[in-house]
Amino acid sequence: MNSIKKYLGIVWLLLAPIVIFFLVAGAVANIDAAGKKDINNPIIWIIIISIFTPIAIGLMIFGWYALKGEYDHLPESSEEL
């Protein structure tokens, strides 16, 4: 189980920057001043990117701790905390 946690830590570490990249690439591709739809509005993209960037950073931190082995032994009772 601990090896699965470490492999998933690598997945989370790689997934977070990829998600941010695709969000920014989607914003660049869809923002159009002459567009009439909501997807062409830059304000919408700024809001979406500003919400999902901290989530992706937290995912990277979670992956880093999983890769380091911080979750190998989880406490079973409150005395272990």
PDB file of N, CA and C in Angstrom:
ATOM      1  N   MET A   1       0.821  -1.188   0.000  1.00  0.00           N
ATOM      2  CA  MET A   1       0.000   0.000   0.000  1.00  0.00           C
ATOM      3  C   MET A   1       0.867   1.254   0.000  1.00  0.00           C
ATOM      4  N   ASN A   2       1.988   1.201   0.702  1.00  0.00           N
ATOM      5  CA  ASN A   2       2.850   2.381   0.737  1.00  0.00           C
ATOM      6  C   ASN A   2       3.465   2.673  -0.626  1.00  0.00           C
ATOM      7  N   SER A   3       3.745   1.641  -1.400  1.00  0.00           N
ATOM      8  CA  SER A   3       4.296   1.890  -2.731  1.00  0.00           C
ATOM      9  C   SER A   3       3.243   2.517  -3.645  1.00  0.00           C
ATOM     10  N   ILE A   4       1.990   2.144  -3.467  1.00  0.00           N
ATOM     11  CA  ILE A   4       0.914   2.770  -4.247  1.00  0.00           C
ATOM     12  C   ILE A   4       0.821   4.246  -3.904  1.00  0.00           C
ATOM     13  N   LYS A   5       0.968   4.576  -2.630  1.00  0.00           N
ATOM     14  CA  LYS A   5       0.930   5.976  -2.208  1.00  0.00           C
ATOM     15  C   LYS A   5       2.064   6.771  -2.847  1.00  0.00           C
ATOM     16  N   LYS A   6       3.240   6.170  -2.936  1.00  0.00           N
ATOM     17  CA  LYS A   6       4.381   6.861  -3.551  1.00  0.00           C
ATOM     18  C   LYS A   6       4.176   7.043  -5.052  1.00  0.00           C
ATOM     19  N   TYR A   7       3.645   6.026  -5.729  1.00  0.00           N
ATOM     20  CA  TYR A   7       3.375   6.155  -7.164  1.00  0.00           C
ATOM     21  C   TYR A   7       2.309   7.211  -7.428  1.00  0.00           C
ATOM     22  N   LEU A   8       1.282   7.222  -6.598  1.00  0.00           N
ATOM     23  CA  LEU A   8       0.255   8.248  -6.764  1.00  0.00           C
ATOM     24  C   LEU A   8       0.793   9.637  -6.421  1.00  0.00           C
ATOM     25  N   GLY A   9       1.768   9.715  -5.524  1.00  0.00           N
ATOM     26  CA  GLY A   9       2.419  10.993  -5.259  1.00  0.00           C
ATOM     27  C   GLY A   9       3.093  11.548  -6.505  1.00  0.00           C
ATOM     28  N   ILE A  10       3.731  10.665  -7.262  1.00  0.00           N
ATOM     29  CA  ILE A  10       4.344  11.093  -8.524  1.00  0.00           C
ATOM     30  C   ILE A  10       3.265  11.554  -9.503  1.00  0.00           C
ATOM     31  N   VAL A  11       2.149  10.827  -9.534  1.00  0.00           N
ATOM     32  CA  VAL A  11       1.048  11.207 -10.428  1.00  0.00           C
ATOM     33  C   VAL A  11       0.514  12.592 -10.061  1.00  0.00           C
ATOM     34  N   TRP A  12       0.317  12.853  -8.777  1.00  0.00           N
ATOM     35  CA  TRP A  12      -0.208  14.159  -8.350  1.00  0.00           C
ATOM     36  C   TRP A  12       0.798  15.265  -8.654  1.00  0.00           C
ATOM     37  N   LEU A  13       2.079  14.973  -8.453  1.00  0.00           N
ATOM     38  CA  LEU A  13       3.103  15.978  -8.751  1.00  0.00           C
ATOM     39  C   LEU A  13       3.120  16.339 -10.235  1.00  0.00           C
ATOM     40  N   LEU A  14       2.908  15.379 -11.106  1.00  0.00           N
ATOM     41  CA  LEU A  14       2.921  15.649 -12.540  1.00  0.00           C
ATOM     42  C   LEU A  14       1.591  16.193 -13.042  1.00  0.00           C
ATOM     43  N   LEU A  15       0.508  15.802 -12.403  1.00  0.00           N
ATOM     44  CA  LEU A  15      -0.815  16.198 -12.872  1.00  0.00           C
ATOM     45  C   LEU A  15      -1.105  17.682 -12.632  1.00  0.00           C
ATOM     46  N   ALA A  16      -0.661  18.219 -11.519  1.00  0.00           N
ATOM     47  CA  ALA A  16      -0.983  19.602 -11.173  1.00  0.00           C
ATOM     48  C   ALA A  16      -0.442  20.614 -12.183  1.00  0.00           C
ATOM     49  N   PRO A  17       0.840  20.586 -12.565  1.00  0.00           N
ATOM     50  CA  PRO A  17       1.296  21.554 -13.571  1.00  0.00           C
ATOM     51  C   PRO A  17       0.662  21.342 -14.935  1.00  0.00           C
ATOM     52  N   ILE A  18       0.326  20.087 -15.257  1.00  0.00           N
ATOM     53  CA  ILE A  18      -0.322  19.817 -16.539  1.00  0.00           C
ATOM     54  C   ILE A  18      -1.715  20.454 -16.578  1.00  0.00           C
ATOM     55  N   VAL A  19      -2.439  20.363 -15.471  1.00  0.00           N
ATOM     56  CA  VAL A  19      -3.766  20.971 -15.400  1.00  0.00           C
ATOM     57  C   VAL A  19      -3.670  22.493 -15.547  1.00  0.00           C
ATOM     58  N   ILE A  20      -2.712  23.100 -14.851  1.00  0.00           N
ATOM     59  CA  ILE A  20      -2.540  24.549 -14.965  1.00  0.00           C
ATOM     60  C   ILE A  20      -2.171  24.928 -16.397  1.00  0.00           C
ATOM     61  N   PHE A  21      -1.293  24.159 -17.022  1.00  0.00           N
ATOM     62  CA  PHE A  21      -0.908  24.444 -18.398  1.00  0.00           C
ATOM     63  C   PHE A  21      -2.111  24.392 -19.339  1.00  0.00           C
ATOM     64  N   PHE A  22      -2.936  23.353 -19.208  1.00  0.00           N
ATOM     65  CA  PHE A  22      -4.086  23.233 -20.092  1.00  0.00           C
ATOM     66  C   PHE A  22      -5.134  24.314 -19.829  1.00  0.00           C
ATOM     67  N   LEU A  23      -5.266  24.754 -18.588  1.00  0.00           N
ATOM     68  CA  LEU A  23      -6.175  25.864 -18.307  1.00  0.00           C
ATOM     69  C   LEU A  23      -5.702  27.150 -18.981  1.00  0.00           C
ATOM     70  N   VAL A  24      -4.416  27.442 -18.857  1.00  0.00           N
ATOM     71  CA  VAL A  24      -3.878  28.651 -19.477  1.00  0.00           C
ATOM     72  C   VAL A  24      -3.924  28.530 -21.004  1.00  0.00           C
ATOM     73  N   ALA A  25      -3.607  27.362 -21.536  1.00  0.00           N
ATOM     74  CA  ALA A  25      -3.666  27.167 -22.990  1.00  0.00           C
ATOM     75  C   ALA A  25      -5.103  27.293 -23.496  1.00  0.00           C
ATOM     76  N   GLY A  26      -6.055  26.788 -22.754  1.00  0.00           N
ATOM     77  CA  GLY A  26      -7.461  26.934 -23.134  1.00  0.00           C
ATOM     78  C   GLY A  26      -7.908  28.378 -23.087  1.00  0.00           C
ATOM     79  N   ALA A  27      -7.405  29.126 -22.103  1.00  0.00           N
ATOM     80  CA  ALA A  27      -7.737  30.546 -22.020  1.00  0.00           C
ATOM     81  C   ALA A  27      -7.171  31.303 -23.208  1.00  0.00           C
ATOM     82  N   VAL A  28      -5.934  31.031 -23.557  1.00  0.00           N
ATOM     83  CA  VAL A  28      -5.304  31.713 -24.691  1.00  0.00           C
ATOM     84  C   VAL A  28      -6.029  31.371 -25.992  1.00  0.00           C
ATOM     85  N   ALA A  29      -6.453  30.133 -26.128  1.00  0.00           N
ATOM     86  CA  ALA A  29      -7.115  29.716 -27.367  1.00  0.00           C
ATOM     87  C   ALA A  29      -8.538  30.259 -27.476  1.00  0.00           C
ATOM     88  N   ASN A  30      -9.216  30.449 -26.342  1.00  0.00           N
ATOM     89  CA  ASN A  30     -10.634  30.816 -26.392  1.00  0.00           C
ATOM     90  C   ASN A  30     -10.926  32.291 -26.185  1.00  0.00           C
ATOM     91  N   ILE A  31     -10.013  33.053 -25.633  1.00  0.00           N
ATOM     92  CA  ILE A  31     -10.276  34.479 -25.415  1.00  0.00           C
ATOM     93  C   ILE A  31     -10.251  35.187 -26.764  1.00  0.00           C
ATOM     94  N   ASP A  32     -11.361  35.862 -27.046  1.00  0.00           N
ATOM     95  CA  ASP A  32     -11.498  36.578 -28.310  1.00  0.00           C
ATOM     96  C   ASP A  32     -12.314  37.841 -28.040  1.00  0.00           C
ATOM     97  N   ALA A  33     -11.780  38.976 -28.432  1.00  0.00           N
ATOM     98  CA  ALA A  33     -12.468  40.243 -28.189  1.00  0.00           C
ATOM     99  C   ALA A  33     -13.758  40.360 -29.004  1.00  0.00           C
ATOM    100  N   ALA A  34     -13.798  39.732 -30.157  1.00  0.00           N
ATOM    101  CA  ALA A  34     -14.985  39.808 -31.008  1.00  0.00           C
ATOM    102  C   ALA A  34     -15.997  38.708 -30.692  1.00  0.00           C
ATOM    103  N   GLY A  35     -15.660  37.812 -29.794  1.00  0.00           N
ATOM    104  CA  GLY A  35     -16.552  36.695 -29.473  1.00  0.00           C
ATOM    105  C   GLY A  35     -17.743  37.143 -28.657  1.00  0.00           C
ATOM    106  N   LYS A  36     -18.867  36.459 -28.826  1.00  0.00           N
ATOM    107  CA  LYS A  36     -20.110  36.816 -28.131  1.00  0.00           C
ATOM    108  C   LYS A  36     -20.459  35.844 -27.012  1.00  0.00           C
ATOM    109  N   LYS A  37     -19.795  34.711 -26.952  1.00  0.00           N
ATOM    110  CA  LYS A  37     -20.127  33.707 -25.940  1.00  0.00           C
ATOM    111  C   LYS A  37     -19.357  33.980 -24.650  1.00  0.00           C
ATOM    112  N   ASP A  38     -19.805  33.336 -23.571  1.00  0.00           N
ATOM    113  CA  ASP A  38     -19.149  33.511 -22.273  1.00  0.00           C
ATOM    114  C   ASP A  38     -17.727  32.968 -22.265  1.00  0.00           C
ATOM    115  N   ILE A  39     -17.455  31.941 -23.064  1.00  0.00           N
ATOM    116  CA  ILE A  39     -16.128  31.336 -23.068  1.00  0.00           C
ATOM    117  C   ILE A  39     -15.083  32.287 -23.664  1.00  0.00           C
ATOM    118  N   ASN A  40     -15.518  33.284 -24.418  1.00  0.00           N
ATOM    119  CA  ASN A  40     -14.604  34.245 -25.022  1.00  0.00           C
ATOM    120  C   ASN A  40     -14.257  35.400 -24.090  1.00  0.00           C
ATOM    121  N   ASN A  41     -14.894  35.468 -22.943  1.00  0.00           N
ATOM    122  CA  ASN A  41     -14.689  36.558 -21.996  1.00  0.00           C
ATOM    123  C   ASN A  41     -13.450  36.283 -21.133  1.00  0.00           C
ATOM    124  N   PRO A  42     -12.494  37.202 -21.101  1.00  0.00           N
ATOM    125  CA  PRO A  42     -11.288  36.942 -20.292  1.00  0.00           C
ATOM    126  C   PRO A  42     -11.547  36.935 -18.791  1.00  0.00           C
ATOM    127  N   ILE A  43     -12.574  37.628 -18.319  1.00  0.00           N
ATOM    128  CA  ILE A  43     -12.867  37.663 -16.882  1.00  0.00           C
ATOM    129  C   ILE A  43     -13.217  36.260 -16.385  1.00  0.00           C
ATOM    130  N   ILE A  44     -13.990  35.528 -17.159  1.00  0.00           N
ATOM    131  CA  ILE A  44     -14.355  34.161 -16.780  1.00  0.00           C
ATOM    132  C   ILE A  44     -13.103  33.300 -16.624  1.00  0.00           C
ATOM    133  N   TRP A  45     -12.173  33.438 -17.573  1.00  0.00           N
ATOM    134  CA  TRP A  45     -10.946  32.628 -17.520  1.00  0.00           C
ATOM    135  C   TRP A  45     -10.065  33.029 -16.344  1.00  0.00           C
ATOM    136  N   ILE A  46     -10.013  34.309 -16.031  1.00  0.00           N
ATOM    137  CA  ILE A  46      -9.223  34.752 -14.873  1.00  0.00           C
ATOM    138  C   ILE A  46      -9.790  34.148 -13.596  1.00  0.00           C
ATOM    139  N   ILE A  47     -11.104  34.125 -13.475  1.00  0.00           N
ATOM    140  CA  ILE A  47     -11.738  33.543 -12.291  1.00  0.00           C
ATOM    141  C   ILE A  47     -11.458  32.046 -12.214  1.00  0.00           C
ATOM    142  N   ILE A  48     -11.603  31.344 -13.327  1.00  0.00           N
ATOM    143  CA  ILE A  48     -11.386  29.895 -13.331  1.00  0.00           C
ATOM    144  C   ILE A  48      -9.937  29.569 -12.980  1.00  0.00           C
ATOM    145  N   ILE A  49      -8.994  30.265 -13.592  1.00  0.00           N
ATOM    146  CA  ILE A  49      -7.576  29.990 -13.328  1.00  0.00           C
ATOM    147  C   ILE A  49      -7.211  30.361 -11.895  1.00  0.00           C
ATOM    148  N   SER A  50      -7.757  31.469 -11.379  1.00  0.00           N
ATOM    149  CA  SER A  50      -7.421  31.864 -10.008  1.00  0.00           C
ATOM    150  C   SER A  50      -8.022  30.917  -8.973  1.00  0.00           C
ATOM    151  N   ILE A  51      -9.096  30.230  -9.302  1.00  0.00           N
ATOM    152  CA  ILE A  51      -9.675  29.253  -8.376  1.00  0.00           C
ATOM    153  C   ILE A  51      -8.908  27.929  -8.423  1.00  0.00           C
ATOM    154  N   PHE A  52      -8.561  27.469  -9.627  1.00  0.00           N
ATOM    155  CA  PHE A  52      -7.952  26.147  -9.748  1.00  0.00           C
ATOM    156  C   PHE A  52      -6.443  26.122  -9.529  1.00  0.00           C
ATOM    157  N   THR A  53      -5.769  27.261  -9.595  1.00  0.00           N
ATOM    158  CA  THR A  53      -4.325  27.276  -9.343  1.00  0.00           C
ATOM    159  C   THR A  53      -3.982  26.901  -7.895  1.00  0.00           C
ATOM    160  N   PRO A  54      -4.636  27.471  -6.876  1.00  0.00           N
ATOM    161  CA  PRO A  54      -4.322  27.011  -5.508  1.00  0.00           C
ATOM    162  C   PRO A  54      -4.683  25.548  -5.260  1.00  0.00           C
ATOM    163  N   ILE A  55      -5.745  25.072  -5.925  1.00  0.00           N
ATOM    164  CA  ILE A  55      -6.094  23.659  -5.790  1.00  0.00           C
ATOM    165  C   ILE A  55      -4.988  22.788  -6.372  1.00  0.00           C
ATOM    166  N   ALA A  56      -4.459  23.182  -7.519  1.00  0.00           N
ATOM    167  CA  ALA A  56      -3.376  22.424  -8.147  1.00  0.00           C
ATOM    168  C   ALA A  56      -2.100  22.489  -7.311  1.00  0.00           C
ATOM    169  N   ILE A  57      -1.823  23.633  -6.705  1.00  0.00           N
ATOM    170  CA  ILE A  57      -0.646  23.756  -5.835  1.00  0.00           C
ATOM    171  C   ILE A  57      -0.799  22.843  -4.617  1.00  0.00           C
ATOM    172  N   GLY A  58      -1.996  22.798  -4.049  1.00  0.00           N
ATOM    173  CA  GLY A  58      -2.259  21.876  -2.939  1.00  0.00           C
ATOM    174  C   GLY A  58      -2.106  20.431  -3.356  1.00  0.00           C
ATOM    175  N   LEU A  59      -2.496  20.118  -4.578  1.00  0.00           N
ATOM    176  CA  LEU A  59      -2.314  18.770  -5.103  1.00  0.00           C
ATOM    177  C   LEU A  59      -0.840  18.432  -5.233  1.00  0.00           C
ATOM    178  N   MET A  60      -0.041  19.406  -5.642  1.00  0.00           N
ATOM    179  CA  MET A  60       1.411  19.183  -5.726  1.00  0.00           C
ATOM    180  C   MET A  60       2.009  18.954  -4.341  1.00  0.00           C
ATOM    181  N   ILE A  61       1.573  19.725  -3.370  1.00  0.00           N
ATOM    182  CA  ILE A  61       2.080  19.557  -2.002  1.00  0.00           C
ATOM    183  C   ILE A  61       1.696  18.183  -1.464  1.00  0.00           C
ATOM    184  N   PHE A  62       0.447  17.787  -1.701  1.00  0.00           N
ATOM    185  CA  PHE A  62      -0.009  16.460  -1.281  1.00  0.00           C
ATOM    186  C   PHE A  62       0.831  15.369  -1.941  1.00  0.00           C
ATOM    187  N   GLY A  63       1.118  15.513  -3.218  1.00  0.00           N
ATOM    188  CA  GLY A  63       1.948  14.546  -3.931  1.00  0.00           C
ATOM    189  C   GLY A  63       3.364  14.500  -3.410  1.00  0.00           C
ATOM    190  N   TRP A  64       3.908  15.661  -3.064  1.00  0.00           N
ATOM    191  CA  TRP A  64       5.269  15.718  -2.526  1.00  0.00           C
ATOM    192  C   TRP A  64       5.351  14.965  -1.199  1.00  0.00           C
ATOM    193  N   TYR A  65       4.374  15.195  -0.322  1.00  0.00           N
ATOM    194  CA  TYR A  65       4.382  14.490   0.958  1.00  0.00           C
ATOM    195  C   TYR A  65       4.163  12.990   0.778  1.00  0.00           C
ATOM    196  N   ALA A  66       3.322  12.618  -0.180  1.00  0.00           N
ATOM    197  CA  ALA A  66       3.115  11.192  -0.444  1.00  0.00           C
ATOM    198  C   ALA A  66       4.384  10.556  -0.984  1.00  0.00           C
ATOM    199  N   LEU A  67       5.106  11.279  -1.829  1.00  0.00           N
ATOM    200  CA  LEU A  67       6.351  10.753  -2.386  1.00  0.00           C
ATOM    201  C   LEU A  67       7.435  10.632  -1.314  1.00  0.00           C
ATOM    202  N   LYS A  68       7.468  11.570  -0.376  1.00  0.00           N
ATOM    203  CA  LYS A  68       8.446  11.514   0.710  1.00  0.00           C
ATOM    204  C   LYS A  68       8.135  10.437   1.735  1.00  0.00           C
ATOM    205  N   GLY A  69       6.920   9.925   1.747  1.00  0.00           N
ATOM    206  CA  GLY A  69       6.566   8.875   2.694  1.00  0.00           C
ATOM    207  C   GLY A  69       5.951   9.386   3.977  1.00  0.00           C
ATOM    208  N   GLU A  70       5.426  10.589   3.965  1.00  0.00           N
ATOM    209  CA  GLU A  70       4.814  11.150   5.174  1.00  0.00           C
ATOM    210  C   GLU A  70       3.517  10.430   5.551  1.00  0.00           C
ATOM    211  N   TYR A  71       2.895   9.761   4.590  1.00  0.00           N
ATOM    212  CA  TYR A  71       1.634   9.078   4.846  1.00  0.00           C
ATOM    213  C   TYR A  71       1.822   7.578   5.007  1.00  0.00           C
ATOM    214  N   ASP A  72       3.052   7.126   5.245  1.00  0.00           N
ATOM    215  CA  ASP A  72       3.291   5.696   5.401  1.00  0.00           C
ATOM    216  C   ASP A  72       2.645   5.141   6.666  1.00  0.00           C
ATOM    217  N   HIS A  73       2.718   5.887   7.747  1.00  0.00           N
ATOM    218  CA  HIS A  73       2.085   5.457   8.991  1.00  0.00           C
ATOM    219  C   HIS A  73       1.080   6.528   9.401  1.00  0.00           C
ATOM    220  N   LEU A  74      -0.178   6.195   9.311  1.00  0.00           N
ATOM    221  CA  LEU A  74      -1.226   7.114   9.724  1.00  0.00           C
ATOM    222  C   LEU A  74      -1.618   6.790  11.154  1.00  0.00           C
ATOM    223  N   PRO A  75      -1.913   7.820  11.960  1.00  0.00           N
ATOM    224  CA  PRO A  75      -2.292   7.547  13.360  1.00  0.00           C
ATOM    225  C   PRO A  75      -3.618   6.794  13.443  1.00  0.00           C
ATOM    226  N   GLU A  76      -3.674   5.867  14.397  1.00  0.00           N
ATOM    227  CA  GLU A  76      -4.871   5.074  14.585  1.00  0.00           C
ATOM    228  C   GLU A  76      -5.708   5.566  15.746  1.00  0.00           C
ATOM    229  N   SER A  77      -5.116   6.380  16.598  1.00  0.00           N
ATOM    230  CA  SER A  77      -5.874   6.946  17.717  1.00  0.00           C
ATOM    231  C   SER A  77      -5.386   8.366  17.967  1.00  0.00           C
ATOM    232  N   SER A  78      -6.107   9.071  18.824  1.00  0.00           N
ATOM    233  CA  SER A  78      -5.733  10.460  19.091  1.00  0.00           C
ATOM    234  C   SER A  78      -4.464  10.563  19.928  1.00  0.00           C
ATOM    235  N   GLU A  79      -4.082   9.507  20.617  1.00  0.00           N
ATOM    236  CA  GLU A  79      -2.841   9.541  21.401  1.00  0.00           C
ATOM    237  C   GLU A  79      -1.604   9.588  20.512  1.00  0.00           C
ATOM    238  N   GLU A  80      -1.715   9.060  19.298  1.00  0.00           N
ATOM    239  CA  GLU A  80      -0.572   9.038  18.381  1.00  0.00           C
ATOM    240  C   GLU A  80      -0.324  10.383  17.731  1.00  0.00           C
ATOM    241  N   LEU A  81      -1.243  11.296  17.837  1.00  0.00           N
ATOM    242  CA  LEU A  81      -1.055  12.616  17.229  1.00  0.00           C
ATOM    243  C   LEU A  81      -0.082  13.386  18.066  1.00  0.00           C
TER     244      LEU A  81
END
